């Protein structure tokens, strides 16, 4: 199962309200595809840390993601990765989260997934809709 949208330009510079609206649209698209994305990843996936009941409560209270953290990850994307045509199955979202942490400090798996989707990357959760996903990315060479 894959989730992809067009890149949301300047997401990292949006007001919190506009950014939250973009996040809400991605959450709705994910739910249409039976993916319940929160800061922990896909709550319906194998290996999830949170239940659907907790997801629904967090969604109602607008606590699925930290807008500030998603914007912070989004702004770091061009320093770490670029798009490629095929899905990178060697490094999943959890590994990518750790690579971002070396640049920006602590971040969550789900907020990394959300930022990558908003940047226009394809998130592939596989047939079993795992808690993690893979993306069509390659690491940039660092000097």
N, C-alpha and C. Protein backbone atom coordinates (compact mmCIF):
# COMPACT_ATOMS: atom_id res chain seq x y z
N UNK A 1 0.83 -1.17 0.00
CA UNK A 1 0.00 0.00 0.00
C UNK A 1 0.88 1.24 0.00
N UNK A 2 0.67 2.13 -0.95
CA UNK A 2 1.48 3.34 -1.07
C UNK A 2 0.64 4.59 -0.89
N UNK A 3 1.24 5.59 -0.28
CA UNK A 3 0.64 6.91 -0.10
C UNK A 3 1.57 7.91 -0.77
N UNK A 4 1.03 8.74 -1.66
CA UNK A 4 1.83 9.77 -2.32
C UNK A 4 0.93 10.96 -2.65
N UNK A 5 1.47 12.15 -2.45
CA UNK A 5 0.80 13.39 -2.85
C UNK A 5 1.84 14.27 -3.53
N UNK A 6 1.37 15.33 -4.19
CA UNK A 6 2.30 16.32 -4.73
C UNK A 6 2.97 17.04 -3.57
N UNK A 7 4.20 17.45 -3.78
CA UNK A 7 4.93 18.17 -2.75
C UNK A 7 4.16 19.41 -2.31
N UNK A 8 4.06 19.60 -1.01
CA UNK A 8 3.46 20.81 -0.44
C UNK A 8 4.59 21.82 -0.32
N UNK A 9 4.62 22.77 -1.22
CA UNK A 9 5.70 23.76 -1.25
C UNK A 9 5.69 24.61 0.01
N UNK A 10 6.88 24.87 0.52
CA UNK A 10 7.08 25.76 1.68
C UNK A 10 6.30 25.35 2.92
N UNK A 11 6.07 24.06 3.07
CA UNK A 11 5.36 23.58 4.26
C UNK A 11 6.05 24.04 5.54
N UNK A 12 7.37 24.06 5.53
CA UNK A 12 8.12 24.44 6.72
C UNK A 12 8.00 25.92 7.08
N UNK A 13 7.45 26.72 6.17
CA UNK A 13 7.29 28.15 6.43
C UNK A 13 5.82 28.54 6.67
N UNK A 14 4.93 27.57 6.61
CA UNK A 14 3.50 27.83 6.80
C UNK A 14 3.18 28.16 8.26
N UNK A 15 2.05 28.83 8.45
CA UNK A 15 1.54 29.02 9.81
C UNK A 15 1.17 27.66 10.38
N UNK A 16 1.09 27.56 11.69
CA UNK A 16 0.72 26.29 12.32
C UNK A 16 -0.65 25.83 11.83
N UNK A 17 -1.58 26.77 11.67
CA UNK A 17 -2.94 26.41 11.24
C UNK A 17 -2.93 25.83 9.83
N UNK A 18 -2.22 26.48 8.89
CA UNK A 18 -2.15 25.98 7.51
C UNK A 18 -1.42 24.65 7.45
N UNK A 19 -0.33 24.54 8.22
CA UNK A 19 0.42 23.28 8.25
C UNK A 19 -0.43 22.15 8.81
N UNK A 20 -1.18 22.43 9.88
CA UNK A 20 -2.06 21.41 10.46
C UNK A 20 -3.10 20.96 9.46
N UNK A 21 -3.61 21.88 8.67
CA UNK A 21 -4.60 21.54 7.63
C UNK A 21 -4.00 20.57 6.61
N UNK A 22 -2.75 20.80 6.20
CA UNK A 22 -2.07 19.89 5.28
C UNK A 22 -1.89 18.51 5.90
N UNK A 23 -1.47 18.49 7.16
CA UNK A 23 -1.31 17.22 7.88
C UNK A 23 -2.64 16.48 7.95
N UNK A 24 -3.71 17.20 8.27
CA UNK A 24 -5.04 16.59 8.35
C UNK A 24 -5.46 15.96 7.03
N UNK A 25 -5.10 16.59 5.91
CA UNK A 25 -5.43 16.03 4.60
C UNK A 25 -4.68 14.73 4.34
N UNK A 26 -3.43 14.67 4.76
CA UNK A 26 -2.65 13.44 4.59
C UNK A 26 -3.22 12.34 5.51
N UNK A 27 -3.58 12.70 6.73
CA UNK A 27 -4.19 11.73 7.66
C UNK A 27 -5.46 11.14 7.03
N UNK A 28 -6.29 11.99 6.43
CA UNK A 28 -7.53 11.51 5.79
C UNK A 28 -7.22 10.57 4.64
N UNK A 29 -6.23 10.92 3.81
CA UNK A 29 -5.84 10.05 2.70
C UNK A 29 -5.34 8.70 3.22
N UNK A 30 -4.55 8.74 4.28
CA UNK A 30 -4.05 7.50 4.87
C UNK A 30 -5.21 6.64 5.37
N UNK A 31 -6.15 7.27 6.07
CA UNK A 31 -7.29 6.52 6.60
C UNK A 31 -8.11 5.88 5.50
N UNK A 32 -8.24 6.56 4.36
CA UNK A 32 -8.95 5.98 3.21
C UNK A 32 -8.31 4.68 2.77
N UNK A 33 -7.02 4.55 3.06
CA UNK A 33 -6.25 3.36 2.67
C UNK A 33 -5.93 2.46 3.86
N UNK A 34 -6.73 2.59 4.93
CA UNK A 34 -6.62 1.77 6.14
C UNK A 34 -5.26 1.87 6.81
N UNK A 35 -4.67 3.06 6.74
CA UNK A 35 -3.43 3.37 7.44
C UNK A 35 -3.77 4.45 8.45
N UNK A 36 -3.42 4.23 9.69
CA UNK A 36 -3.73 5.18 10.76
C UNK A 36 -2.40 5.75 11.26
N UNK A 37 -1.97 6.82 10.61
CA UNK A 37 -0.65 7.39 10.83
C UNK A 37 -0.64 8.37 12.00
N UNK A 38 0.25 8.12 12.94
CA UNK A 38 0.46 9.04 14.07
C UNK A 38 1.96 9.21 14.24
N UNK A 39 2.36 9.93 15.28
CA UNK A 39 3.79 10.17 15.49
C UNK A 39 4.58 8.88 15.67
N UNK A 40 3.89 7.77 15.99
CA UNK A 40 4.57 6.49 16.18
C UNK A 40 4.64 5.65 14.92
N UNK A 41 4.00 6.08 13.85
CA UNK A 41 3.94 5.31 12.62
C UNK A 41 2.52 4.87 12.36
N UNK A 42 2.35 3.78 11.63
CA UNK A 42 1.02 3.27 11.30
C UNK A 42 0.47 2.47 12.48
N UNK A 43 -0.58 2.98 13.10
CA UNK A 43 -1.15 2.35 14.31
C UNK A 43 -1.87 1.03 14.03
N UNK A 44 -2.13 0.73 12.76
CA UNK A 44 -2.76 -0.55 12.44
C UNK A 44 -1.72 -1.55 11.94
N UNK A 45 -0.46 -1.14 11.91
CA UNK A 45 0.58 -2.00 11.38
C UNK A 45 1.19 -2.94 12.40
N UNK A 46 1.84 -3.96 11.89
CA UNK A 46 2.56 -4.91 12.72
C UNK A 46 3.67 -4.17 13.46
N UNK A 47 3.76 -4.36 14.76
CA UNK A 47 4.79 -3.73 15.55
C UNK A 47 4.41 -2.36 16.10
N UNK A 48 3.14 -2.00 16.01
CA UNK A 48 2.71 -0.68 16.46
C UNK A 48 2.85 -0.50 17.97
N UNK A 49 3.09 0.75 18.37
CA UNK A 49 3.24 1.08 19.79
C UNK A 49 1.96 1.63 20.40
N UNK A 50 0.95 1.86 19.61
CA UNK A 50 -0.28 2.48 20.10
C UNK A 50 -1.50 1.79 19.52
N UNK A 51 -2.60 1.82 20.24
CA UNK A 51 -3.82 1.16 19.79
C UNK A 51 -4.66 2.11 18.94
N UNK A 52 -5.63 1.55 18.24
CA UNK A 52 -6.56 2.36 17.46
C UNK A 52 -7.34 3.30 18.38
N UNK A 53 -7.67 2.84 19.58
CA UNK A 53 -8.40 3.70 20.52
C UNK A 53 -7.56 4.92 20.89
N UNK A 54 -6.27 4.71 21.16
CA UNK A 54 -5.38 5.84 21.46
C UNK A 54 -5.25 6.76 20.26
N UNK A 55 -5.19 6.17 19.07
CA UNK A 55 -5.10 6.95 17.83
C UNK A 55 -6.33 7.86 17.71
N UNK A 56 -7.50 7.28 17.89
CA UNK A 56 -8.74 8.06 17.76
C UNK A 56 -8.79 9.19 18.79
N UNK A 57 -8.37 8.92 20.02
CA UNK A 57 -8.34 9.96 21.06
C UNK A 57 -7.37 11.07 20.67
N UNK A 58 -6.16 10.68 20.25
CA UNK A 58 -5.17 11.68 19.84
C UNK A 58 -5.66 12.49 18.64
N UNK A 59 -6.33 11.83 17.71
CA UNK A 59 -6.86 12.53 16.53
C UNK A 59 -7.90 13.56 16.96
N UNK A 60 -8.81 13.15 17.82
CA UNK A 60 -9.87 14.06 18.30
C UNK A 60 -9.27 15.28 19.00
N UNK A 61 -8.19 15.05 19.74
CA UNK A 61 -7.55 16.14 20.51
C UNK A 61 -6.43 16.83 19.72
N UNK A 62 -6.32 16.50 18.42
CA UNK A 62 -5.32 17.10 17.53
C UNK A 62 -3.89 16.89 18.04
N UNK A 63 -3.62 15.65 18.49
CA UNK A 63 -2.31 15.31 19.05
C UNK A 63 -1.58 14.23 18.27
N UNK A 64 -1.98 13.98 17.03
CA UNK A 64 -1.31 12.92 16.27
C UNK A 64 0.13 13.28 15.94
N UNK A 65 0.39 14.57 15.69
CA UNK A 65 1.71 15.04 15.29
C UNK A 65 2.01 16.38 15.93
N UNK A 66 3.28 16.66 16.09
CA UNK A 66 3.74 18.01 16.45
C UNK A 66 4.02 18.74 15.14
N UNK A 67 3.24 19.79 14.87
CA UNK A 67 3.44 20.56 13.64
C UNK A 67 4.87 21.09 13.58
N UNK A 68 5.37 21.60 14.69
CA UNK A 68 6.74 22.14 14.72
C UNK A 68 7.76 21.08 14.33
N UNK A 69 7.59 19.88 14.85
CA UNK A 69 8.56 18.81 14.55
C UNK A 69 8.46 18.36 13.10
N UNK A 70 7.25 18.25 12.55
CA UNK A 70 7.10 17.87 11.14
C UNK A 70 7.74 18.94 10.26
N UNK A 71 7.54 20.22 10.59
CA UNK A 71 8.16 21.30 9.81
C UNK A 71 9.69 21.26 9.92
N UNK A 72 10.19 20.93 11.08
CA UNK A 72 11.65 20.86 11.30
C UNK A 72 12.25 19.73 10.45
N UNK A 73 11.59 18.58 10.40
CA UNK A 73 12.08 17.47 9.57
C UNK A 73 11.98 17.84 8.10
N UNK A 74 10.85 18.41 7.70
CA UNK A 74 10.63 18.82 6.30
C UNK A 74 11.77 19.73 5.84
N UNK A 75 12.16 20.69 6.68
CA UNK A 75 13.20 21.63 6.28
C UNK A 75 14.57 20.95 6.15
N UNK A 76 14.77 19.82 6.82
CA UNK A 76 16.04 19.10 6.76
C UNK A 76 16.12 18.12 5.58
N UNK A 77 15.02 17.82 4.96
CA UNK A 77 14.99 16.81 3.89
C UNK A 77 16.00 17.10 2.79
N UNK A 78 16.07 18.33 2.23
CA UNK A 78 17.01 18.54 1.13
C UNK A 78 18.49 18.44 1.53
N UNK A 79 18.79 18.44 2.81
CA UNK A 79 20.17 18.27 3.27
C UNK A 79 20.57 16.81 3.37
N UNK A 80 19.57 15.91 3.41
CA UNK A 80 19.87 14.49 3.67
C UNK A 80 19.54 13.56 2.52
N UNK A 81 18.39 13.78 1.85
CA UNK A 81 17.91 12.82 0.85
C UNK A 81 17.40 13.53 -0.41
N UNK A 82 17.31 12.75 -1.48
CA UNK A 82 16.70 13.19 -2.73
C UNK A 82 15.81 12.06 -3.23
N UNK A 83 14.90 12.40 -4.12
CA UNK A 83 14.01 11.38 -4.66
C UNK A 83 14.73 10.54 -5.71
N UNK A 84 14.27 9.30 -5.81
CA UNK A 84 14.67 8.42 -6.90
C UNK A 84 13.40 7.75 -7.41
N UNK A 85 13.49 7.05 -8.52
CA UNK A 85 12.30 6.48 -9.14
C UNK A 85 11.74 5.28 -8.38
N UNK A 86 12.62 4.49 -7.78
CA UNK A 86 12.17 3.24 -7.14
C UNK A 86 12.21 3.36 -5.62
N UNK A 87 11.45 2.50 -4.98
CA UNK A 87 11.40 2.46 -3.52
C UNK A 87 12.70 1.88 -2.98
N UNK A 88 13.28 2.55 -1.99
CA UNK A 88 14.49 2.09 -1.32
C UNK A 88 14.08 1.12 -0.22
N UNK A 89 14.30 -0.16 -0.46
CA UNK A 89 13.90 -1.17 0.53
C UNK A 89 15.01 -1.50 1.52
N UNK A 90 16.16 -0.87 1.37
CA UNK A 90 17.27 -1.12 2.29
C UNK A 90 17.14 -0.33 3.58
N UNK A 91 16.55 0.85 3.50
CA UNK A 91 16.39 1.70 4.68
C UNK A 91 14.93 2.11 4.79
N UNK A 92 14.28 1.72 5.88
CA UNK A 92 12.90 2.09 6.12
C UNK A 92 12.78 3.40 6.88
N UNK A 93 11.56 3.77 7.19
CA UNK A 93 11.30 5.04 7.87
C UNK A 93 11.99 5.12 9.23
N UNK A 94 12.09 4.00 9.93
CA UNK A 94 12.73 4.05 11.26
C UNK A 94 14.22 4.32 11.14
N UNK A 95 14.87 3.73 10.16
CA UNK A 95 16.28 4.03 9.92
C UNK A 95 16.48 5.46 9.46
N UNK A 96 15.57 5.94 8.63
CA UNK A 96 15.63 7.32 8.14
C UNK A 96 15.45 8.31 9.29
N UNK A 97 14.56 7.98 10.22
CA UNK A 97 14.35 8.81 11.41
C UNK A 97 15.67 9.00 12.15
N UNK A 98 16.44 7.94 12.30
CA UNK A 98 17.73 8.03 12.99
C UNK A 98 18.73 8.88 12.21
N UNK A 99 18.68 8.82 10.88
CA UNK A 99 19.57 9.66 10.07
C UNK A 99 19.21 11.14 10.26
N UNK A 100 17.92 11.45 10.31
CA UNK A 100 17.50 12.84 10.56
C UNK A 100 17.92 13.30 11.95
N UNK A 101 17.88 12.40 12.91
CA UNK A 101 18.26 12.78 14.28
C UNK A 101 19.70 13.25 14.37
N UNK A 102 20.56 12.76 13.49
CA UNK A 102 21.96 13.20 13.48
C UNK A 102 22.07 14.66 13.04
N UNK A 103 21.05 15.14 12.32
CA UNK A 103 21.05 16.52 11.82
C UNK A 103 20.25 17.45 12.73
N UNK A 104 19.07 17.00 13.17
CA UNK A 104 18.14 17.92 13.85
C UNK A 104 17.82 17.55 15.29
N UNK A 105 18.34 16.44 15.77
CA UNK A 105 17.98 15.99 17.11
C UNK A 105 16.77 15.08 17.07
N UNK A 106 16.24 14.78 18.24
CA UNK A 106 15.17 13.78 18.36
C UNK A 106 13.97 14.10 17.45
N UNK A 107 13.47 13.05 16.82
CA UNK A 107 12.21 13.12 16.05
C UNK A 107 11.58 11.73 16.07
N UNK A 108 10.32 11.65 15.73
CA UNK A 108 9.63 10.37 15.77
C UNK A 108 9.52 9.76 14.38
N UNK A 109 9.27 8.47 14.34
CA UNK A 109 9.09 7.72 13.10
C UNK A 109 7.92 8.31 12.30
N UNK A 110 6.78 8.49 12.94
CA UNK A 110 5.59 8.98 12.23
C UNK A 110 5.74 10.39 11.72
N UNK A 111 6.41 11.25 12.49
CA UNK A 111 6.63 12.62 12.03
C UNK A 111 7.60 12.64 10.84
N UNK A 112 8.55 11.70 10.81
CA UNK A 112 9.43 11.55 9.65
C UNK A 112 8.62 11.11 8.44
N UNK A 113 7.73 10.13 8.63
CA UNK A 113 6.88 9.66 7.53
C UNK A 113 6.03 10.82 7.01
N UNK A 114 5.40 11.57 7.90
CA UNK A 114 4.53 12.67 7.50
C UNK A 114 5.32 13.71 6.71
N UNK A 115 6.50 14.11 7.19
CA UNK A 115 7.31 15.11 6.50
C UNK A 115 7.70 14.63 5.10
N UNK A 116 8.08 13.37 4.99
CA UNK A 116 8.48 12.82 3.68
C UNK A 116 7.29 12.80 2.72
N UNK A 117 6.11 12.43 3.20
CA UNK A 117 4.92 12.44 2.34
C UNK A 117 4.63 13.87 1.88
N UNK A 118 4.67 14.82 2.81
CA UNK A 118 4.39 16.22 2.46
C UNK A 118 5.42 16.77 1.48
N UNK A 119 6.62 16.22 1.49
CA UNK A 119 7.67 16.65 0.56
C UNK A 119 7.51 16.01 -0.82
N UNK A 120 6.55 15.08 -0.94
CA UNK A 120 6.26 14.46 -2.23
C UNK A 120 6.86 13.09 -2.45
N UNK A 121 7.45 12.50 -1.41
CA UNK A 121 7.98 11.14 -1.52
C UNK A 121 6.84 10.13 -1.44
N UNK A 122 7.02 8.98 -2.07
CA UNK A 122 6.05 7.89 -1.98
C UNK A 122 6.36 7.07 -0.73
N UNK A 123 5.36 6.89 0.12
CA UNK A 123 5.49 6.06 1.32
C UNK A 123 4.85 4.71 1.02
N UNK A 124 5.65 3.65 1.04
CA UNK A 124 5.16 2.31 0.76
C UNK A 124 5.13 1.51 2.05
N UNK A 125 3.91 1.19 2.51
CA UNK A 125 3.72 0.45 3.76
C UNK A 125 3.66 -1.06 3.54
N UNK A 126 3.75 -1.50 2.30
CA UNK A 126 3.69 -2.92 1.99
C UNK A 126 2.27 -3.47 2.09
N UNK A 127 2.13 -4.71 1.72
CA UNK A 127 0.79 -5.33 1.74
C UNK A 127 0.21 -5.45 3.14
N UNK A 128 1.10 -5.64 4.14
CA UNK A 128 0.60 -5.82 5.51
C UNK A 128 0.44 -4.49 6.25
N UNK A 129 0.70 -3.37 5.56
CA UNK A 129 0.56 -2.04 6.16
C UNK A 129 1.33 -1.94 7.47
N UNK A 130 2.61 -2.20 7.41
CA UNK A 130 3.50 -2.24 8.57
C UNK A 130 3.53 -0.89 9.29
N UNK A 131 3.97 -0.88 10.54
CA UNK A 131 4.11 0.34 11.33
C UNK A 131 5.12 1.29 10.65
N UNK A 132 6.14 0.75 10.01
CA UNK A 132 7.13 1.53 9.27
C UNK A 132 6.82 1.48 7.79
N UNK A 133 7.54 2.27 7.01
CA UNK A 133 7.34 2.22 5.56
C UNK A 133 8.68 2.45 4.88
N UNK A 134 8.70 2.32 3.58
CA UNK A 134 9.88 2.62 2.76
C UNK A 134 9.52 3.76 1.82
N UNK A 135 10.53 4.47 1.34
CA UNK A 135 10.32 5.61 0.45
C UNK A 135 11.18 5.49 -0.81
N UNK A 136 10.85 6.28 -1.80
CA UNK A 136 11.64 6.40 -3.02
C UNK A 136 12.71 7.47 -2.81
N UNK A 137 13.73 7.15 -2.03
CA UNK A 137 14.77 8.13 -1.72
C UNK A 137 16.16 7.51 -1.83
N UNK A 138 17.11 8.42 -1.97
CA UNK A 138 18.53 8.05 -1.87
C UNK A 138 19.18 9.08 -0.96
N UNK A 139 20.18 8.63 -0.22
CA UNK A 139 20.94 9.56 0.63
C UNK A 139 21.82 10.42 -0.25
N UNK A 140 21.95 11.68 0.13
CA UNK A 140 22.88 12.57 -0.55
C UNK A 140 24.28 12.33 0.01
N UNK A 141 25.26 12.50 -0.81
CA UNK A 141 26.64 12.37 -0.35
C UNK A 141 26.97 13.60 0.50
N UNK A 142 27.58 13.35 1.63
CA UNK A 142 27.96 14.47 2.49
C UNK A 142 29.46 14.70 2.36
N UNK A 143 29.88 15.93 2.52
CA UNK A 143 31.31 16.23 2.35
C UNK A 143 31.99 16.36 3.68
